[in-house]
Amino acid sequence: QNYLEQTCPAFLFGAYITQDTRDRDTLNGRFKELRLSVMNVEHVNYQEPNIEHLKQHGITHRLDQVFRSDAVVKQALVDGGQIDKTYVADPRLSGEEIEQVLKNTEVVRAYTPRTIYNKTKSRYSANVGLSSGDVRPARMFTVSTNAGE
């Protein structure tokens, strides 16, 4: 859940999803004062991915495979959060091994339990950059208890 939260823009988690522009326009008009987001997904092209060719590199899942939902929700997260370019790597892989996966496959972002690895391509040349950072703890999908309860 923290992978999903760290990958997708926060507005997506509270957005209403429509599949018709008239519905989107109606909801936008009604929700404007409430500051609620509406996302229109007219074409649902989502298909469960086949990542068998990446398993030999230590990739265990694509991010859209770690939760269950309707295809329209997954399509919205693909469109708005690019979860189709984000993968989960075997935690036993070293940083160097994950960097090789990023360099040699279509994987753009890979998560391990503690680290996120990113590949960025230059717009102006064939250069590819790699970066890594810490996985932040989840904030949205956690249960909070109040001492007064």
N, C-alpha and C. Protein backbone atom coordinates (compact mmCIF):
# COMPACT_ATOMS: atom_id res chain seq x y z
N GLN A 1 0.81 -1.19 0.00
CA GLN A 1 0.00 0.00 0.00
C GLN A 1 0.86 1.26 0.00
N ASN A 2 2.01 1.25 0.67
CA ASN A 2 2.84 2.44 0.61
C ASN A 2 3.47 2.61 -0.76
N TYR A 3 3.67 1.53 -1.51
CA TYR A 3 4.17 1.66 -2.87
C TYR A 3 3.15 2.41 -3.73
N LEU A 4 1.90 2.03 -3.60
CA LEU A 4 0.83 2.66 -4.36
C LEU A 4 0.71 4.13 -3.97
N GLU A 5 0.74 4.39 -2.68
CA GLU A 5 0.63 5.77 -2.19
C GLU A 5 1.80 6.63 -2.67
N GLN A 6 2.99 6.05 -2.71
CA GLN A 6 4.17 6.82 -3.13
C GLN A 6 4.22 7.01 -4.64
N THR A 7 3.54 6.17 -5.39
CA THR A 7 3.58 6.26 -6.85
C THR A 7 2.52 7.19 -7.41
N CYS A 8 1.33 7.13 -6.86
CA CYS A 8 0.19 7.87 -7.43
C CYS A 8 0.00 9.22 -6.76
N PRO A 9 -0.45 10.21 -7.54
CA PRO A 9 -0.80 11.49 -6.92
C PRO A 9 -1.94 11.30 -5.92
N ALA A 10 -1.91 12.04 -4.82
CA ALA A 10 -2.87 11.87 -3.74
C ALA A 10 -4.32 12.07 -4.19
N PHE A 11 -4.56 12.96 -5.14
CA PHE A 11 -5.94 13.22 -5.56
C PHE A 11 -6.62 11.97 -6.11
N LEU A 12 -5.86 11.05 -6.66
CA LEU A 12 -6.46 9.85 -7.26
C LEU A 12 -7.19 8.99 -6.23
N PHE A 13 -6.75 9.00 -5.00
CA PHE A 13 -7.34 8.13 -4.00
C PHE A 13 -8.71 8.60 -3.52
N GLY A 14 -9.04 9.85 -3.80
CA GLY A 14 -10.35 10.36 -3.43
C GLY A 14 -11.19 10.75 -4.62
N ALA A 15 -10.70 10.47 -5.82
CA ALA A 15 -11.39 10.90 -7.03
C ALA A 15 -12.59 10.01 -7.34
N TYR A 16 -13.62 10.62 -7.84
CA TYR A 16 -14.75 9.89 -8.39
C TYR A 16 -14.41 9.58 -9.84
N ILE A 17 -14.67 8.36 -10.25
CA ILE A 17 -14.35 7.94 -11.61
C ILE A 17 -15.65 7.86 -12.40
N THR A 18 -15.65 8.53 -13.55
CA THR A 18 -16.80 8.46 -14.46
C THR A 18 -16.32 7.85 -15.77
N GLN A 19 -17.27 7.40 -16.56
CA GLN A 19 -16.93 6.85 -17.87
C GLN A 19 -17.66 7.59 -18.99
N ASP A 20 -18.21 8.74 -18.66
CA ASP A 20 -18.93 9.55 -19.64
C ASP A 20 -18.63 11.02 -19.33
N THR A 21 -18.30 11.80 -20.34
CA THR A 21 -17.93 13.20 -20.11
C THR A 21 -19.09 14.01 -19.54
N ARG A 22 -20.31 13.66 -19.88
CA ARG A 22 -21.46 14.38 -19.31
C ARG A 22 -21.55 14.14 -17.81
N ASP A 23 -21.32 12.91 -17.39
CA ASP A 23 -21.31 12.61 -15.94
C ASP A 23 -20.18 13.37 -15.24
N ARG A 24 -19.01 13.38 -15.87
CA ARG A 24 -17.88 14.10 -15.29
C ARG A 24 -18.21 15.58 -15.13
N ASP A 25 -18.77 16.19 -16.18
CA ASP A 25 -19.11 17.61 -16.12
C ASP A 25 -20.14 17.89 -15.04
N THR A 26 -21.14 17.03 -14.91
CA THR A 26 -22.17 17.20 -13.88
C THR A 26 -21.56 17.12 -12.49
N LEU A 27 -20.74 16.09 -12.26
CA LEU A 27 -20.12 15.93 -10.94
C LEU A 27 -19.14 17.06 -10.64
N ASN A 28 -18.37 17.48 -11.64
CA ASN A 28 -17.44 18.59 -11.41
C ASN A 28 -18.19 19.83 -10.96
N GLY A 29 -19.32 20.11 -11.59
CA GLY A 29 -20.12 21.27 -11.21
C GLY A 29 -20.63 21.17 -9.78
N ARG A 30 -21.07 19.99 -9.41
CA ARG A 30 -21.62 19.80 -8.05
C ARG A 30 -20.54 19.69 -6.98
N PHE A 31 -19.37 19.19 -7.35
CA PHE A 31 -18.31 18.95 -6.37
C PHE A 31 -17.30 20.08 -6.26
N LYS A 32 -17.42 21.09 -7.11
CA LYS A 32 -16.42 22.16 -7.14
C LYS A 32 -16.23 22.80 -5.76
N GLU A 33 -17.32 23.13 -5.10
CA GLU A 33 -17.24 23.77 -3.78
C GLU A 33 -16.66 22.83 -2.73
N LEU A 34 -16.86 21.54 -2.91
CA LEU A 34 -16.36 20.56 -1.95
C LEU A 34 -14.90 20.18 -2.21
N ARG A 35 -14.37 20.65 -3.34
CA ARG A 35 -12.99 20.35 -3.75
C ARG A 35 -12.75 18.86 -3.91
N LEU A 36 -13.71 18.18 -4.49
CA LEU A 36 -13.58 16.75 -4.79
C LEU A 36 -13.17 16.59 -6.25
N SER A 37 -12.32 15.62 -6.51
CA SER A 37 -11.82 15.38 -7.86
C SER A 37 -12.70 14.39 -8.60
N VAL A 38 -12.83 14.61 -9.90
CA VAL A 38 -13.55 13.69 -10.77
C VAL A 38 -12.61 13.37 -11.93
N MET A 39 -12.47 12.10 -12.21
CA MET A 39 -11.61 11.65 -13.31
C MET A 39 -12.45 10.86 -14.28
N ASN A 40 -12.36 11.21 -15.55
CA ASN A 40 -13.12 10.52 -16.57
C ASN A 40 -12.23 9.49 -17.28
N VAL A 41 -12.71 8.26 -17.34
CA VAL A 41 -12.01 7.19 -18.05
C VAL A 41 -12.97 6.67 -19.11
N GLU A 42 -12.84 7.19 -20.33
CA GLU A 42 -13.77 6.81 -21.40
C GLU A 42 -13.45 5.44 -21.97
N HIS A 43 -12.17 5.14 -22.08
CA HIS A 43 -11.77 3.88 -22.70
C HIS A 43 -11.03 3.02 -21.68
N VAL A 44 -11.59 1.88 -21.38
CA VAL A 44 -10.95 0.96 -20.45
C VAL A 44 -10.23 -0.11 -21.27
N ASN A 45 -8.92 0.06 -21.37
CA ASN A 45 -8.09 -0.87 -22.13
C ASN A 45 -7.27 -1.77 -21.22
N TYR A 46 -7.52 -1.68 -19.92
CA TYR A 46 -6.68 -2.39 -18.97
C TYR A 46 -6.78 -3.90 -19.17
N GLN A 47 -5.62 -4.53 -19.18
CA GLN A 47 -5.52 -5.99 -19.20
C GLN A 47 -4.47 -6.40 -18.18
N GLU A 48 -4.72 -7.50 -17.52
CA GLU A 48 -3.75 -8.02 -16.55
C GLU A 48 -2.43 -8.28 -17.28
N PRO A 49 -1.32 -7.76 -16.75
CA PRO A 49 -0.04 -7.90 -17.46
C PRO A 49 0.57 -9.29 -17.33
N ASN A 50 1.37 -9.62 -18.30
CA ASN A 50 2.17 -10.85 -18.25
C ASN A 50 3.62 -10.41 -18.04
N ILE A 51 4.15 -10.70 -16.88
CA ILE A 51 5.53 -10.29 -16.58
C ILE A 51 6.47 -11.49 -16.45
N GLU A 52 6.09 -12.60 -17.03
CA GLU A 52 6.92 -13.81 -16.92
C GLU A 52 8.36 -13.55 -17.37
N HIS A 53 8.55 -12.74 -18.41
CA HIS A 53 9.89 -12.47 -18.92
C HIS A 53 10.74 -11.65 -17.93
N LEU A 54 10.09 -11.00 -16.97
CA LEU A 54 10.84 -10.21 -15.98
C LEU A 54 11.16 -10.99 -14.71
N LYS A 55 10.49 -12.10 -14.52
CA LYS A 55 10.72 -12.89 -13.30
C LYS A 55 12.15 -13.41 -13.22
N GLN A 56 12.75 -13.70 -14.37
CA GLN A 56 14.15 -14.15 -14.37
C GLN A 56 15.10 -13.05 -13.89
N HIS A 57 14.63 -11.80 -13.91
CA HIS A 57 15.43 -10.67 -13.43
C HIS A 57 15.13 -10.31 -11.98
N GLY A 58 14.23 -11.06 -11.34
CA GLY A 58 13.91 -10.80 -9.95
C GLY A 58 12.71 -9.90 -9.73
N ILE A 59 11.96 -9.63 -10.78
CA ILE A 59 10.74 -8.83 -10.65
C ILE A 59 9.60 -9.78 -10.28
N THR A 60 8.88 -9.47 -9.21
CA THR A 60 7.83 -10.37 -8.75
C THR A 60 6.43 -9.94 -9.18
N HIS A 61 6.20 -8.63 -9.29
CA HIS A 61 4.87 -8.11 -9.64
C HIS A 61 5.00 -6.76 -10.33
N ARG A 62 3.98 -6.42 -11.10
CA ARG A 62 3.81 -5.05 -11.52
C ARG A 62 2.87 -4.44 -10.48
N LEU A 63 2.95 -3.15 -10.24
CA LEU A 63 2.21 -2.54 -9.14
C LEU A 63 0.70 -2.75 -9.25
N ASP A 64 0.18 -2.83 -10.45
CA ASP A 64 -1.27 -3.04 -10.60
C ASP A 64 -1.69 -4.48 -10.29
N GLN A 65 -0.74 -5.34 -9.97
CA GLN A 65 -1.05 -6.72 -9.61
C GLN A 65 -1.10 -6.94 -8.10
N VAL A 66 -0.82 -5.91 -7.31
CA VAL A 66 -0.76 -6.11 -5.86
C VAL A 66 -2.07 -5.76 -5.16
N PHE A 67 -3.10 -5.44 -5.91
CA PHE A 67 -4.41 -5.16 -5.33
C PHE A 67 -5.49 -5.59 -6.32
N ARG A 68 -6.70 -5.78 -5.78
CA ARG A 68 -7.84 -6.16 -6.63
C ARG A 68 -8.78 -4.98 -6.76
N SER A 69 -9.27 -4.76 -7.97
CA SER A 69 -10.28 -3.74 -8.22
C SER A 69 -10.85 -3.96 -9.61
N ASP A 70 -11.89 -3.20 -9.92
CA ASP A 70 -12.46 -3.24 -11.26
C ASP A 70 -11.45 -2.69 -12.26
N ALA A 71 -11.59 -3.12 -13.50
CA ALA A 71 -10.67 -2.67 -14.55
C ALA A 71 -10.67 -1.15 -14.71
N VAL A 72 -11.81 -0.51 -14.54
CA VAL A 72 -11.87 0.95 -14.70
C VAL A 72 -11.03 1.65 -13.63
N VAL A 73 -10.98 1.11 -12.42
CA VAL A 73 -10.16 1.71 -11.36
C VAL A 73 -8.68 1.52 -11.70
N LYS A 74 -8.31 0.34 -12.14
CA LYS A 74 -6.91 0.12 -12.52
C LYS A 74 -6.53 1.00 -13.71
N GLN A 75 -7.45 1.17 -14.66
CA GLN A 75 -7.18 2.04 -15.79
C GLN A 75 -6.96 3.48 -15.32
N ALA A 76 -7.77 3.94 -14.37
CA ALA A 76 -7.61 5.30 -13.84
C ALA A 76 -6.24 5.45 -13.17
N LEU A 77 -5.80 4.44 -12.43
CA LEU A 77 -4.50 4.51 -11.77
C LEU A 77 -3.35 4.39 -12.77
N VAL A 78 -3.56 3.67 -13.86
CA VAL A 78 -2.56 3.62 -14.94
C VAL A 78 -2.47 4.99 -15.60
N ASP A 79 -3.62 5.57 -15.93
CA ASP A 79 -3.64 6.87 -16.61
C ASP A 79 -3.11 7.98 -15.72
N GLY A 80 -3.50 7.99 -14.46
CA GLY A 80 -3.13 9.08 -13.58
C GLY A 80 -1.87 8.87 -12.78
N GLY A 81 -1.47 7.62 -12.57
CA GLY A 81 -0.33 7.34 -11.71
C GLY A 81 0.76 6.50 -12.33
N GLN A 82 0.56 6.07 -13.56
CA GLN A 82 1.55 5.25 -14.27
C GLN A 82 1.98 4.01 -13.49
N ILE A 83 1.00 3.36 -12.86
CA ILE A 83 1.34 2.16 -12.10
C ILE A 83 1.75 1.01 -13.01
N ASP A 84 1.49 1.15 -14.30
CA ASP A 84 1.89 0.11 -15.25
C ASP A 84 3.38 0.15 -15.57
N LYS A 85 4.08 1.16 -15.09
CA LYS A 85 5.52 1.27 -15.30
C LYS A 85 6.30 1.02 -14.01
N THR A 86 5.58 0.62 -12.97
CA THR A 86 6.16 0.43 -11.65
C THR A 86 6.09 -1.04 -11.25
N TYR A 87 7.19 -1.56 -10.77
CA TYR A 87 7.30 -2.98 -10.47
C TYR A 87 7.79 -3.21 -9.05
N VAL A 88 7.56 -4.42 -8.56
CA VAL A 88 8.04 -4.84 -7.25
C VAL A 88 9.14 -5.87 -7.48
N ALA A 89 10.29 -5.63 -6.85
CA ALA A 89 11.44 -6.52 -7.03
C ALA A 89 11.59 -7.43 -5.81
N ASP A 90 12.19 -8.57 -6.05
CA ASP A 90 12.51 -9.50 -4.98
C ASP A 90 13.41 -8.78 -3.98
N PRO A 91 13.07 -8.79 -2.70
CA PRO A 91 13.87 -8.07 -1.71
C PRO A 91 15.30 -8.58 -1.55
N ARG A 92 15.57 -9.75 -2.09
CA ARG A 92 16.93 -10.29 -1.99
C ARG A 92 17.87 -9.71 -3.04
N LEU A 93 17.33 -8.98 -4.02
CA LEU A 93 18.19 -8.38 -5.04
C LEU A 93 19.01 -7.25 -4.44
N SER A 94 20.24 -7.15 -4.90
CA SER A 94 21.10 -6.04 -4.45
C SER A 94 20.74 -4.79 -5.26
N GLY A 95 21.20 -3.66 -4.79
CA GLY A 95 20.99 -2.41 -5.52
C GLY A 95 21.59 -2.47 -6.91
N GLU A 96 22.75 -3.10 -7.04
CA GLU A 96 23.40 -3.22 -8.35
C GLU A 96 22.57 -4.09 -9.30
N GLU A 97 21.99 -5.16 -8.77
CA GLU A 97 21.16 -6.03 -9.61
C GLU A 97 19.91 -5.30 -10.09
N ILE A 98 19.31 -4.51 -9.22
CA ILE A 98 18.12 -3.76 -9.62
C ILE A 98 18.48 -2.70 -10.66
N GLU A 99 19.63 -2.07 -10.50
CA GLU A 99 20.07 -1.09 -11.49
C GLU A 99 20.24 -1.75 -12.86
N GLN A 100 20.74 -2.98 -12.90
CA GLN A 100 20.86 -3.70 -14.17
C GLN A 100 19.48 -3.98 -14.79
N VAL A 101 18.52 -4.32 -13.93
CA VAL A 101 17.15 -4.54 -14.41
C VAL A 101 16.61 -3.27 -15.04
N LEU A 102 16.83 -2.14 -14.38
CA LEU A 102 16.35 -0.86 -14.92
C LEU A 102 17.03 -0.53 -16.24
N LYS A 103 18.30 -0.79 -16.33
CA LYS A 103 19.05 -0.48 -17.56
C LYS A 103 18.65 -1.37 -18.73
N ASN A 104 18.32 -2.65 -18.45
CA ASN A 104 18.17 -3.63 -19.52
C ASN A 104 16.74 -4.08 -19.82
N THR A 105 15.76 -3.52 -19.13
CA THR A 105 14.36 -3.93 -19.34
C THR A 105 13.48 -2.69 -19.44
N GLU A 106 12.19 -2.92 -19.62
CA GLU A 106 11.23 -1.82 -19.68
C GLU A 106 10.85 -1.26 -18.31
N VAL A 107 11.39 -1.83 -17.24
CA VAL A 107 11.07 -1.38 -15.88
C VAL A 107 11.59 0.06 -15.71
N VAL A 108 10.70 0.95 -15.29
CA VAL A 108 11.04 2.36 -15.07
C VAL A 108 11.21 2.65 -13.59
N ARG A 109 10.43 1.95 -12.76
CA ARG A 109 10.48 2.15 -11.31
C ARG A 109 10.37 0.79 -10.66
N ALA A 110 11.20 0.54 -9.64
CA ALA A 110 11.15 -0.73 -8.93
C ALA A 110 11.23 -0.48 -7.43
N TYR A 111 10.37 -1.18 -6.71
CA TYR A 111 10.34 -1.08 -5.25
C TYR A 111 10.90 -2.34 -4.62
N THR A 112 11.63 -2.13 -3.53
CA THR A 112 11.97 -3.19 -2.59
C THR A 112 11.38 -2.73 -1.26
N PRO A 113 11.40 -3.53 -0.22
CA PRO A 113 10.76 -3.09 1.02
C PRO A 113 11.27 -1.74 1.56
N ARG A 114 12.52 -1.41 1.32
CA ARG A 114 13.07 -0.17 1.87
C ARG A 114 13.42 0.89 0.83
N THR A 115 13.58 0.51 -0.43
CA THR A 115 14.13 1.43 -1.42
C THR A 115 13.30 1.44 -2.69
N ILE A 116 13.23 2.63 -3.30
CA ILE A 116 12.61 2.79 -4.61
C ILE A 116 13.71 3.19 -5.58
N TYR A 117 13.74 2.53 -6.72
CA TYR A 117 14.73 2.80 -7.76
C TYR A 117 13.99 3.35 -8.98
N ASN A 118 14.53 4.42 -9.57
CA ASN A 118 13.90 5.06 -10.72
C ASN A 118 14.87 5.18 -11.88
N LYS A 119 14.32 5.04 -13.08
CA LYS A 119 15.08 5.26 -14.31
C LYS A 119 14.50 6.49 -14.98
N THR A 120 15.35 7.42 -15.38
CA THR A 120 14.90 8.59 -16.12
C THR A 120 15.69 8.68 -17.42
N LYS A 121 14.97 8.98 -18.48
CA LYS A 121 15.60 9.13 -19.79
C LYS A 121 15.65 10.60 -20.15
N SER A 122 16.76 11.01 -20.73
CA SER A 122 16.91 12.38 -21.17
C SER A 122 16.02 12.64 -22.39
N ARG A 123 15.43 13.80 -22.43
CA ARG A 123 14.63 14.20 -23.60
C ARG A 123 15.53 14.56 -24.77
N TYR A 124 16.77 14.88 -24.48
CA TYR A 124 17.65 15.46 -25.50
C TYR A 124 18.74 14.52 -25.98
N SER A 125 18.93 13.41 -25.32
CA SER A 125 19.97 12.48 -25.74
C SER A 125 19.55 11.07 -25.36
N ALA A 126 20.42 10.12 -25.59
CA ALA A 126 20.13 8.72 -25.25
C ALA A 126 20.53 8.39 -23.81
N ASN A 127 20.91 9.39 -23.05
CA ASN A 127 21.36 9.16 -21.67
C ASN A 127 20.22 8.66 -20.79
N VAL A 128 20.58 7.71 -19.92
CA VAL A 128 19.64 7.17 -18.94
C VAL A 128 20.23 7.40 -17.56
N GLY A 129 19.43 7.98 -16.67
CA GLY A 129 19.88 8.21 -15.31
C GLY A 129 19.17 7.27 -14.36
N LEU A 130 19.83 6.91 -13.29
CA LEU A 130 19.25 6.05 -12.26
C LEU A 130 19.34 6.78 -10.93
N SER A 131 18.28 6.64 -10.15
CA SER A 131 18.29 7.23 -8.82
C SER A 131 17.59 6.28 -7.86
N SER A 132 17.83 6.49 -6.59
CA SER A 132 17.15 5.66 -5.59
C SER A 132 16.83 6.54 -4.38
N GLY A 133 15.85 6.08 -3.62
CA GLY A 133 15.45 6.80 -2.42
C GLY A 133 14.74 5.85 -1.49
N ASP A 134 14.42 6.34 -0.32
CA ASP A 134 13.75 5.52 0.68
C ASP A 134 12.26 5.42 0.38
N VAL A 135 11.69 4.27 0.67
CA VAL A 135 10.25 4.10 0.61
C VAL A 135 9.68 4.74 1.86
N ARG A 136 8.76 5.67 1.66
CA ARG A 136 8.14 6.34 2.80
C ARG A 136 7.08 5.44 3.42
N PRO A 137 6.89 5.55 4.72
CA PRO A 137 5.80 4.79 5.36
C PRO A 137 4.45 5.26 4.83
N ALA A 138 3.50 4.35 4.76
CA ALA A 138 2.16 4.69 4.29
C ALA A 138 1.49 5.62 5.29
N ARG A 139 0.74 6.57 4.77
CA ARG A 139 -0.03 7.47 5.63
C ARG A 139 -1.52 7.32 5.37
N MET A 140 -1.90 7.07 4.12
CA MET A 140 -3.31 6.99 3.78
C MET A 140 -3.96 5.69 4.20
N PHE A 141 -3.26 4.60 4.05
CA PHE A 141 -3.84 3.29 4.26
C PHE A 141 -3.45 2.71 5.61
N THR A 142 -3.36 3.55 6.61
CA THR A 142 -3.03 3.06 7.95
C THR A 142 -4.21 3.29 8.87
N VAL A 143 -4.28 2.48 9.88
CA VAL A 143 -5.34 2.61 10.88
C VAL A 143 -4.79 3.45 12.01
N SER A 144 -5.50 4.50 12.34
CA SER A 144 -5.09 5.39 13.40
C SER A 144 -6.00 5.18 14.60
N THR A 145 -5.39 5.13 15.76
CA THR A 145 -6.19 4.99 16.96
C THR A 145 -6.06 6.25 17.78
N ASN A 146 -7.12 6.65 18.39
CA ASN A 146 -7.16 7.82 19.23
C ASN A 146 -7.14 7.36 20.68
N ALA A 147 -6.26 7.92 21.48
CA ALA A 147 -6.13 7.50 22.88
C ALA A 147 -7.43 7.71 23.65
N GLY A 148 -8.25 8.64 23.20
CA GLY A 148 -9.50 8.92 23.89
C GLY A 148 -10.63 7.97 23.53
N GLU A 149 -10.42 7.09 22.59
CA GLU A 149 -11.48 6.17 22.17
C GLU A 149 -11.57 4.97 23.05
